[in-house]
Amino acid sequence: MSTSIELNISNSIATITLNRPKVFNSFNKEMAFALQEALDRCKEDDVRAVMITGNGKAFCAGQDIQEITDSEKNPGFEAILDDHYNPIVQRIRDLEKPVIAAVNGVAAGAGANIALCCDVVIATESAAFIQAFSKIGLIPDSAGTYFLPRMIGFGRASAIAMLADKISAKEAEQMGMIYKCVSDDEFLAFAKAKTEKLAQMPTKALANTKKALNQSMTNTLEQQLALESKLQIESANTADYQEGVTAFIEKRKPNFEGK
């Protein structure tokens, strides 16, 4: 795997670290494909939760502008979207494991939207989110126009996308864009604790929750009720459900195995 992405798997947790700190972890072709590879590795049974974070001062500054202004290296926007960013977003949403974005600094452009498509977004107090696209004559990509209006409402999403305002982590929490804003001193321990908690929970039930939430974006009420019934029956047939009920009756903490 490329050095632009670090992947560490321990105690059922995969930690994926964006590792181009000198350019604020901005994406080039190599890093985009390396992140896809890392997410594919997370499909395996030894992983039950994933945390994505960044090295250095930034989470991710989006696209590396040097790549797209280099006449020889520029892959073109069709490839950047269809081959680089869209597959990353799709992998995160399709992965049958919870994915936490631990936003350790500025998340801009595609970097912001990749963070926002994760299941849980935790940001350090000094972090910020910027839909920087309009500053250079582009539109939000990487599902920004899909998730933002659903998270914070059409009017607010439209203003943020067009004005390219810098949204502090605290503001992002207040408007429902992210789950939690945590002080810089407590951020990493908090993000790790939440990831560890998810890794010890009933993995198949979490995957089914994710599937239901994915489809709730476009389903009718009747379709969603039918989907909930299907996924609830699947969840009730897992070993973790049996363990959860047994532990409840025995008044003890359940020992979920992700099965």
C-alpha atoms as a PDB file:
ATOM      1  CA  MET A   1       0.000   0.000   0.000  1.00  0.00           C
ATOM      2  CA  SER A   2       1.103   3.569  -0.693  1.00  0.00           C
ATOM      3  CA  THR A   3       2.720   5.528   2.148  1.00  0.00           C
ATOM      4  CA  SER A   4       0.044   8.198   1.592  1.00  0.00           C
ATOM      5  CA  ILE A   5      -2.334   6.016   3.609  1.00  0.00           C
ATOM      6  CA  GLU A   6      -1.509   4.273   6.875  1.00  0.00           C
ATOM      7  CA  LEU A   7      -3.639   1.267   7.859  1.00  0.00           C
ATOM      8  CA  ASN A   8      -3.408  -0.262  11.313  1.00  0.00           C
ATOM      9  CA  ILE A   9      -5.643  -3.115  12.444  1.00  0.00           C
ATOM     10  CA  SER A  10      -5.739  -4.007  16.129  1.00  0.00           C
ATOM     11  CA  ASN A  11      -8.414  -5.365  18.462  1.00  0.00           C
ATOM     12  CA  SER A  12     -11.000  -5.474  15.646  1.00  0.00           C
ATOM     13  CA  ILE A  13     -10.446  -1.771  14.837  1.00  0.00           C
ATOM     14  CA  ALA A  14      -9.030  -0.518  11.555  1.00  0.00           C
ATOM     15  CA  THR A  15      -7.459   2.915  11.813  1.00  0.00           C
ATOM     16  CA  ILE A  16      -6.964   4.568   8.443  1.00  0.00           C
ATOM     17  CA  THR A  17      -4.751   7.653   8.527  1.00  0.00           C
ATOM     18  CA  LEU A  18      -4.456  10.075   5.630  1.00  0.00           C
ATOM     19  CA  ASN A  19      -0.721  10.644   5.435  1.00  0.00           C
ATOM     20  CA  ARG A  20       0.314  13.551   3.229  1.00  0.00           C
ATOM     21  CA  PRO A  21       0.730  16.121   6.012  1.00  0.00           C
ATOM     22  CA  LYS A  22       3.007  18.443   4.018  1.00  0.00           C
ATOM     23  CA  VAL A  23       0.071  19.172   1.681  1.00  0.00           C
ATOM     24  CA  PHE A  24      -2.577  18.971   4.426  1.00  0.00           C
ATOM     25  CA  ASN A  25      -3.502  15.426   3.370  1.00  0.00           C
ATOM     26  CA  SER A  26      -4.886  16.612   0.040  1.00  0.00           C
ATOM     27  CA  PHE A  27      -5.804  13.845  -2.386  1.00  0.00           C
ATOM     28  CA  ASN A  28      -3.836  12.850  -5.416  1.00  0.00           C
ATOM     29  CA  LYS A  29      -4.510   9.790  -7.566  1.00  0.00           C
ATOM     30  CA  GLU A  30      -2.181   7.596  -5.509  1.00  0.00           C
ATOM     31  CA  MET A  31      -3.818   8.452  -2.189  1.00  0.00           C
ATOM     32  CA  ALA A  32      -7.346   8.032  -3.565  1.00  0.00           C
ATOM     33  CA  PHE A  33      -6.625   4.509  -4.772  1.00  0.00           C
ATOM     34  CA  ALA A  34      -4.764   3.675  -1.558  1.00  0.00           C
ATOM     35  CA  LEU A  35      -7.778   4.721   0.520  1.00  0.00           C
ATOM     36  CA  GLN A  36     -10.026   2.536  -1.624  1.00  0.00           C
ATOM     37  CA  GLU A  37      -7.638  -0.364  -1.041  1.00  0.00           C
ATOM     38  CA  ALA A  38      -7.658   0.242   2.717  1.00  0.00           C
ATOM     39  CA  LEU A  39     -11.461   0.339   2.816  1.00  0.00           C
ATOM     40  CA  ASP A  40     -11.599  -2.926   0.858  1.00  0.00           C
ATOM     41  CA  ARG A  41      -9.326  -4.512   3.463  1.00  0.00           C
ATOM     42  CA  CYS A  42     -11.822  -3.446   6.139  1.00  0.00           C
ATOM     43  CA  LYS A  43     -14.442  -5.799   4.672  1.00  0.00           C
ATOM     44  CA  GLU A  44     -12.646  -8.748   6.239  1.00  0.00           C
ATOM     45  CA  ASP A  45     -13.915 -10.429   9.391  1.00  0.00           C
ATOM     46  CA  ASP A  46     -11.118  -9.257  11.697  1.00  0.00           C
ATOM     47  CA  VAL A  47     -12.417  -5.662  11.421  1.00  0.00           C
ATOM     48  CA  ARG A  48     -15.570  -4.593  13.267  1.00  0.00           C
ATOM     49  CA  ALA A  49     -15.170  -0.799  13.254  1.00  0.00           C
ATOM     50  CA  VAL A  50     -13.174   1.738  11.242  1.00  0.00           C
ATOM     51  CA  MET A  51     -11.742   5.130  12.158  1.00  0.00           C
ATOM     52  CA  ILE A  52     -10.507   7.547   9.477  1.00  0.00           C
ATOM     53  CA  THR A  53      -8.295  10.439  10.567  1.00  0.00           C
ATOM     54  CA  GLY A  54      -5.396  12.557   9.296  1.00  0.00           C
ATOM     55  CA  ASN A  55      -1.742  13.094  10.139  1.00  0.00           C
ATOM     56  CA  GLY A  56      -0.554  16.589  10.965  1.00  0.00           C
ATOM     57  CA  LYS A  57      -2.595  19.777  11.241  1.00  0.00           C
ATOM     58  CA  ALA A  58      -5.367  18.937   8.758  1.00  0.00           C
ATOM     59  CA  PHE A  59      -7.854  16.147   8.238  1.00  0.00           C
ATOM     60  CA  CYS A  60      -7.929  16.638   4.467  1.00  0.00           C
ATOM     61  CA  ALA A  61      -7.724  19.730   2.258  1.00  0.00           C
ATOM     62  CA  GLY A  62      -9.534  18.043  -0.637  1.00  0.00           C
ATOM     63  CA  GLN A  63      -8.025  17.708  -4.089  1.00  0.00           C
ATOM     64  CA  ASP A  64      -4.315  18.387  -4.544  1.00  0.00           C
ATOM     65  CA  ILE A  65      -4.441  21.419  -6.845  1.00  0.00           C
ATOM     66  CA  GLN A  66      -0.886  20.784  -8.039  1.00  0.00           C
ATOM     67  CA  GLU A  67      -2.038  17.513  -9.588  1.00  0.00           C
ATOM     68  CA  ILE A  68      -4.841  19.087 -11.619  1.00  0.00           C
ATOM     69  CA  THR A  69      -2.696  22.008 -12.781  1.00  0.00           C
ATOM     70  CA  ASP A  70       0.093  19.701 -13.968  1.00  0.00           C
ATOM     71  CA  SER A  71      -0.549  19.071 -17.679  1.00  0.00           C
ATOM     72  CA  GLU A  72       1.155  15.669 -17.529  1.00  0.00           C
ATOM     73  CA  LYS A  73      -0.267  14.362 -14.241  1.00  0.00           C
ATOM     74  CA  ASN A  74      -3.790  15.818 -14.409  1.00  0.00           C
ATOM     75  CA  PRO A  75      -6.170  12.832 -14.643  1.00  0.00           C
ATOM     76  CA  GLY A  76      -9.129  15.058 -15.606  1.00  0.00           C
ATOM     77  CA  PHE A  77     -12.324  15.633 -13.645  1.00  0.00           C
ATOM     78  CA  GLU A  78     -14.133  12.617 -15.051  1.00  0.00           C
ATOM     79  CA  ALA A  79     -11.459  10.294 -13.672  1.00  0.00           C
ATOM     80  CA  ILE A  80     -11.097  12.274 -10.431  1.00  0.00           C
ATOM     81  CA  LEU A  81     -14.798  11.839  -9.685  1.00  0.00           C
ATOM     82  CA  ASP A  82     -15.638   8.476 -11.256  1.00  0.00           C
ATOM     83  CA  ASP A  83     -12.411   6.701 -10.320  1.00  0.00           C
ATOM     84  CA  HIS A  84     -11.130   8.518  -7.233  1.00  0.00           C
ATOM     85  CA  TYR A  85     -13.794  10.125  -5.016  1.00  0.00           C
ATOM     86  CA  ASN A  86     -17.098   8.467  -5.900  1.00  0.00           C
ATOM     87  CA  PRO A  87     -15.746   4.952  -5.217  1.00  0.00           C
ATOM     88  CA  ILE A  88     -14.467   6.124  -1.805  1.00  0.00           C
ATOM     89  CA  VAL A  89     -17.897   7.479  -0.825  1.00  0.00           C
ATOM     90  CA  GLN A  90     -19.606   4.334  -2.117  1.00  0.00           C
ATOM     91  CA  ARG A  91     -17.210   2.074  -0.222  1.00  0.00           C
ATOM     92  CA  ILE A  92     -17.822   3.934   3.046  1.00  0.00           C
ATOM     93  CA  ARG A  93     -21.600   3.756   2.659  1.00  0.00           C
ATOM     94  CA  ASP A  94     -21.562   0.096   1.507  1.00  0.00           C
ATOM     95  CA  LEU A  95     -19.109  -1.130   4.149  1.00  0.00           C
ATOM     96  CA  GLU A  96     -21.015  -3.316   6.596  1.00  0.00           C
ATOM     97  CA  LYS A  97     -19.081  -1.878   9.529  1.00  0.00           C
ATOM     98  CA  PRO A  98     -19.458   1.475  11.322  1.00  0.00           C
ATOM     99  CA  VAL A  99     -17.044   4.142  10.064  1.00  0.00           C
ATOM    100  CA  ILE A 100     -16.020   7.039  12.292  1.00  0.00           C
ATOM    101  CA  ALA A 101     -14.434  10.172  10.845  1.00  0.00           C
ATOM    102  CA  ALA A 102     -12.098  11.600  13.487  1.00  0.00           C
ATOM    103  CA  VAL A 103     -11.618  15.092  12.050  1.00  0.00           C
ATOM    104  CA  ASN A 104      -8.375  16.310  13.575  1.00  0.00           C
ATOM    105  CA  GLY A 105      -8.152  19.603  11.666  1.00  0.00           C
ATOM    106  CA  VAL A 106      -9.473  21.435   8.630  1.00  0.00           C
ATOM    107  CA  ALA A 107     -11.661  19.359   6.294  1.00  0.00           C
ATOM    108  CA  ALA A 108     -12.142  21.156   2.996  1.00  0.00           C
ATOM    109  CA  GLY A 109     -13.703  20.313  -0.347  1.00  0.00           C
ATOM    110  CA  ALA A 110     -13.814  16.589  -1.010  1.00  0.00           C
ATOM    111  CA  GLY A 111     -12.087  16.082   2.340  1.00  0.00           C
ATOM    112  CA  ALA A 112     -15.072  17.604   4.139  1.00  0.00           C
ATOM    113  CA  ASN A 113     -17.598  15.549   2.201  1.00  0.00           C
ATOM    114  CA  ILE A 114     -15.753  12.267   2.652  1.00  0.00           C
ATOM    115  CA  ALA A 115     -15.803  12.950   6.392  1.00  0.00           C
ATOM    116  CA  LEU A 116     -19.509  13.823   6.337  1.00  0.00           C
ATOM    117  CA  CYS A 117     -20.484  10.600   4.552  1.00  0.00           C
ATOM    118  CA  CYS A 118     -19.126   8.524   7.452  1.00  0.00           C
ATOM    119  CA  ASP A 119     -21.496   7.023  10.039  1.00  0.00           C
ATOM    120  CA  VAL A 120     -20.217   9.069  12.968  1.00  0.00           C
ATOM    121  CA  VAL A 121     -18.289  12.342  12.661  1.00  0.00           C
ATOM    122  CA  ILE A 122     -16.270  13.579  15.632  1.00  0.00           C
ATOM    123  CA  ALA A 123     -14.211  16.753  15.286  1.00  0.00           C
ATOM    124  CA  THR A 124     -11.638  18.426  17.438  1.00  0.00           C
ATOM    125  CA  GLU A 125     -12.571  21.921  18.633  1.00  0.00           C
ATOM    126  CA  SER A 126      -9.984  23.616  16.410  1.00  0.00           C
ATOM    127  CA  ALA A 127     -11.205  21.825  13.264  1.00  0.00           C
ATOM    128  CA  ALA A 128     -13.354  23.429  10.582  1.00  0.00           C
ATOM    129  CA  PHE A 129     -15.380  22.376   7.541  1.00  0.00           C
ATOM    130  CA  ILE A 130     -15.247  24.288   4.262  1.00  0.00           C
ATOM    131  CA  GLN A 131     -17.166  23.676   1.048  1.00  0.00           C
ATOM    132  CA  ALA A 132     -14.357  25.386  -0.824  1.00  0.00           C
ATOM    133  CA  PHE A 133     -15.490  24.507  -4.346  1.00  0.00           C
ATOM    134  CA  SER A 134     -17.123  27.809  -5.353  1.00  0.00           C
ATOM    135  CA  LYS A 135     -13.867  29.641  -4.629  1.00  0.00           C
ATOM    136  CA  ILE A 136     -12.383  28.087  -7.755  1.00  0.00           C
ATOM    137  CA  GLY A 137     -15.517  27.849  -9.881  1.00  0.00           C
ATOM    138  CA  LEU A 138     -16.627  24.296  -9.030  1.00  0.00           C
ATOM    139  CA  ILE A 139     -19.586  22.614  -7.328  1.00  0.00           C
ATOM    140  CA  PRO A 140     -19.514  20.406  -4.211  1.00  0.00           C
ATOM    141  CA  ASP A 141     -18.748  16.806  -5.122  1.00  0.00           C
ATOM    142  CA  SER A 142     -18.102  13.571  -3.208  1.00  0.00           C
ATOM    143  CA  ALA A 143     -21.830  13.503  -2.306  1.00  0.00           C
ATOM    144  CA  GLY A 144     -21.751  16.935  -0.684  1.00  0.00           C
ATOM    145  CA  THR A 145     -24.932  17.974  -2.468  1.00  0.00           C
ATOM    146  CA  TYR A 146     -26.560  14.728  -1.300  1.00  0.00           C
ATOM    147  CA  PHE A 147     -25.695  14.589   2.395  1.00  0.00           C
ATOM    148  CA  LEU A 148     -25.516  18.263   3.377  1.00  0.00           C
ATOM    149  CA  PRO A 149     -29.170  19.186   2.629  1.00  0.00           C
ATOM    150  CA  ARG A 150     -30.334  16.068   4.453  1.00  0.00           C
ATOM    151  CA  MET A 151     -28.188  16.879   7.480  1.00  0.00           C
ATOM    152  CA  ILE A 152     -28.734  20.599   7.896  1.00  0.00           C
ATOM    153  CA  GLY A 153     -31.621  21.576   5.601  1.00  0.00           C
ATOM    154  CA  PHE A 154     -31.790  22.888   2.059  1.00  0.00           C
ATOM    155  CA  GLY A 155     -31.423  26.592   2.780  1.00  0.00           C
ATOM    156  CA  ARG A 156     -28.426  26.293   5.066  1.00  0.00           C
ATOM    157  CA  ALA A 157     -26.737  23.747   2.774  1.00  0.00           C
ATOM    158  CA  SER A 158     -27.253  26.037  -0.214  1.00  0.00           C
ATOM    159  CA  ALA A 159     -25.708  29.005   1.589  1.00  0.00           C
ATOM    160  CA  ILE A 160     -22.713  27.039   2.842  1.00  0.00           C
ATOM    161  CA  ALA A 161     -22.089  25.499  -0.589  1.00  0.00           C
ATOM    162  CA  MET A 162     -22.310  28.828  -2.427  1.00  0.00           C
ATOM    163  CA  LEU A 163     -20.635  31.149   0.071  1.00  0.00           C
ATOM    164  CA  ALA A 164     -17.867  28.673   0.977  1.00  0.00           C
ATOM    165  CA  ASP A 165     -18.069  29.803   4.596  1.00  0.00           C
ATOM    166  CA  LYS A 166     -15.649  28.311   7.088  1.00  0.00           C
ATOM    167  CA  ILE A 167     -17.787  26.373   9.585  1.00  0.00           C
ATOM    168  CA  SER A 168     -16.149  25.750  12.947  1.00  0.00           C
ATOM    169  CA  ALA A 169     -16.499  22.337  14.534  1.00  0.00           C
ATOM    170  CA  LYS A 170     -18.704  23.845  17.238  1.00  0.00           C
ATOM    171  CA  GLU A 171     -21.005  25.405  14.638  1.00  0.00           C
ATOM    172  CA  ALA A 172     -21.073  22.116  12.735  1.00  0.00           C
ATOM    173  CA  GLU A 173     -22.200  20.300  15.884  1.00  0.00           C
ATOM    174  CA  GLN A 174     -24.878  22.903  16.635  1.00  0.00           C
ATOM    175  CA  MET A 175     -26.402  22.676  13.149  1.00  0.00           C
ATOM    176  CA  GLY A 176     -26.395  18.856  13.130  1.00  0.00           C
ATOM    177  CA  MET A 177     -23.645  18.450  10.549  1.00  0.00           C
ATOM    178  CA  ILE A 178     -21.517  16.308  12.882  1.00  0.00           C
ATOM    179  CA  TYR A 179     -22.074  14.165  15.969  1.00  0.00           C
ATOM    180  CA  LYS A 180     -19.664  15.798  18.425  1.00  0.00           C
ATOM    181  CA  CYS A 181     -17.149  18.604  18.780  1.00  0.00           C
ATOM    182  CA  VAL A 182     -14.569  17.704  21.421  1.00  0.00           C
ATOM    183  CA  SER A 183     -11.822  19.792  23.020  1.00  0.00           C
ATOM    184  CA  ASP A 184      -8.401  19.381  21.438  1.00  0.00           C
ATOM    185  CA  ASP A 185      -7.026  17.769  24.595  1.00  0.00           C
ATOM    186  CA  GLU A 186      -9.758  15.145  24.773  1.00  0.00           C
ATOM    187  CA  PHE A 187     -10.405  14.615  21.062  1.00  0.00           C
ATOM    188  CA  LEU A 188      -8.244  11.612  20.239  1.00  0.00           C
ATOM    189  CA  ALA A 189      -9.143   9.659  23.387  1.00  0.00           C
ATOM    190  CA  PHE A 190     -12.840  10.378  22.815  1.00  0.00           C
ATOM    191  CA  ALA A 191     -12.741   9.283  19.159  1.00  0.00           C
ATOM    192  CA  LYS A 192     -10.850   6.106  20.028  1.00  0.00           C
ATOM    193  CA  ALA A 193     -13.290   5.290  22.847  1.00  0.00           C
ATOM    194  CA  LYS A 194     -16.292   5.627  20.528  1.00  0.00           C
ATOM    195  CA  THR A 195     -14.600   3.447  17.910  1.00  0.00           C
ATOM    196  CA  GLU A 196     -13.768   0.824  20.526  1.00  0.00           C
ATOM    197  CA  LYS A 197     -17.377   0.869  21.715  1.00  0.00           C
ATOM    198  CA  LEU A 198     -18.657   0.268  18.184  1.00  0.00           C
ATOM    199  CA  ALA A 199     -16.143  -2.547  17.693  1.00  0.00           C
ATOM    200  CA  GLN A 200     -17.638  -4.343  20.706  1.00  0.00           C
ATOM    201  CA  MET A 201     -21.249  -3.955  19.617  1.00  0.00           C
ATOM    202  CA  PRO A 202     -23.353  -6.358  17.482  1.00  0.00           C
ATOM    203  CA  THR A 203     -21.694  -5.792  14.104  1.00  0.00           C
ATOM    204  CA  LYS A 204     -24.422  -7.315  11.933  1.00  0.00           C
ATOM    205  CA  ALA A 205     -27.115  -5.239  13.612  1.00  0.00           C
ATOM    206  CA  LEU A 206     -25.027  -2.110  13.047  1.00  0.00           C
ATOM    207  CA  ALA A 207     -24.597  -3.095   9.386  1.00  0.00           C
ATOM    208  CA  ASN A 208     -28.348  -3.533   9.039  1.00  0.00           C
ATOM    209  CA  THR A 209     -28.930  -0.166  10.723  1.00  0.00           C
ATOM    210  CA  LYS A 210     -26.585   1.371   8.154  1.00  0.00           C
ATOM    211  CA  LYS A 211     -28.441  -0.319   5.285  1.00  0.00           C
ATOM    212  CA  ALA A 212     -31.765   0.979   6.583  1.00  0.00           C
ATOM    213  CA  LEU A 213     -30.454   4.516   6.978  1.00  0.00           C
ATOM    214  CA  ASN A 214     -28.937   4.441   3.485  1.00  0.00           C
ATOM    215  CA  GLN A 215     -32.258   3.557   1.900  1.00  0.00           C
ATOM    216  CA  SER A 216     -34.285   5.894   4.136  1.00  0.00           C
ATOM    217  CA  MET A 217     -32.898   8.766   2.064  1.00  0.00           C
ATOM    218  CA  THR A 218     -35.077   7.778  -0.912  1.00  0.00           C
ATOM    219  CA  ASN A 219     -37.652   5.191   0.290  1.00  0.00           C
ATOM    220  CA  THR A 220     -41.329   5.868   0.835  1.00  0.00           C
ATOM    221  CA  LEU A 221     -42.746   5.157   4.295  1.00  0.00           C
ATOM    222  CA  GLU A 222     -44.184   1.846   3.080  1.00  0.00           C
ATOM    223  CA  GLN A 223     -40.873   0.816   1.526  1.00  0.00           C
ATOM    224  CA  GLN A 224     -38.974   1.716   4.678  1.00  0.00           C
ATOM    225  CA  LEU A 225     -41.348  -0.227   6.926  1.00  0.00           C
ATOM    226  CA  ALA A 226     -40.926  -3.277   4.700  1.00  0.00           C
ATOM    227  CA  LEU A 227     -37.144  -2.887   4.747  1.00  0.00           C
ATOM    228  CA  GLU A 228     -37.115  -2.554   8.543  1.00  0.00           C
ATOM    229  CA  SER A 229     -39.104  -5.774   8.836  1.00  0.00           C
ATOM    230  CA  LYS A 230     -36.681  -7.626   6.560  1.00  0.00           C
ATOM    231  CA  LEU A 231     -33.568  -6.354   8.327  1.00  0.00           C
ATOM    232  CA  GLN A 232     -35.032  -6.857  11.807  1.00  0.00           C
ATOM    233  CA  ILE A 233     -35.749 -10.507  11.021  1.00  0.00           C
ATOM    234  CA  GLU A 234     -32.172 -10.907   9.757  1.00  0.00           C
ATOM    235  CA  SER A 235     -30.825  -9.279  12.926  1.00  0.00           C
ATOM    236  CA  ALA A 236     -32.985 -11.484  15.158  1.00  0.00           C
ATOM    237  CA  ASN A 237     -31.404 -14.554  13.568  1.00  0.00           C
ATOM    238  CA  THR A 238     -27.873 -13.609  14.628  1.00  0.00           C
ATOM    239  CA  ALA A 239     -25.859 -15.046  17.488  1.00  0.00           C
ATOM    240  CA  ASP A 240     -25.358 -11.530  18.855  1.00  0.00           C
ATOM    241  CA  TYR A 241     -29.111 -11.086  19.257  1.00  0.00           C
ATOM    242  CA  GLN A 242     -29.279 -14.286  21.276  1.00  0.00           C
ATOM    243  CA  GLU A 243     -26.344 -13.106  23.385  1.00  0.00           C
ATOM    244  CA  GLY A 244     -27.940  -9.697  23.916  1.00  0.00           C
ATOM    245  CA  VAL A 245     -31.224 -11.183  25.140  1.00  0.00           C
ATOM    246  CA  THR A 246     -29.446 -13.729  27.351  1.00  0.00           C
ATOM    247  CA  ALA A 247     -27.242 -11.040  28.878  1.00  0.00           C
ATOM    248  CA  PHE A 248     -30.283  -8.846  29.542  1.00  0.00           C
ATOM    249  CA  ILE A 249     -32.075 -11.686  31.353  1.00  0.00           C
ATOM    250  CA  GLU A 250     -28.941 -12.590  33.311  1.00  0.00           C
ATOM    251  CA  LYS A 251     -28.326  -8.914  34.152  1.00  0.00           C
ATOM    252  CA  ARG A 252     -24.777  -8.883  32.788  1.00  0.00           C
ATOM    253  CA  LYS A 253     -22.859  -7.089  30.063  1.00  0.00           C
ATOM    254  CA  PRO A 254     -23.243  -8.844  26.697  1.00  0.00           C
ATOM    255  CA  ASN A 255     -20.212 -10.293  24.951  1.00  0.00           C
ATOM    256  CA  PHE A 256     -20.938  -9.609  21.289  1.00  0.00           C
ATOM    257  CA  GLU A 257     -18.751 -11.355  18.717  1.00  0.00           C
ATOM    258  CA  GLY A 258     -20.004  -9.711  15.558  1.00  0.00           C
ATOM    259  CA  LYS A 259     -21.827 -12.862  14.416  1.00  0.00           C
END
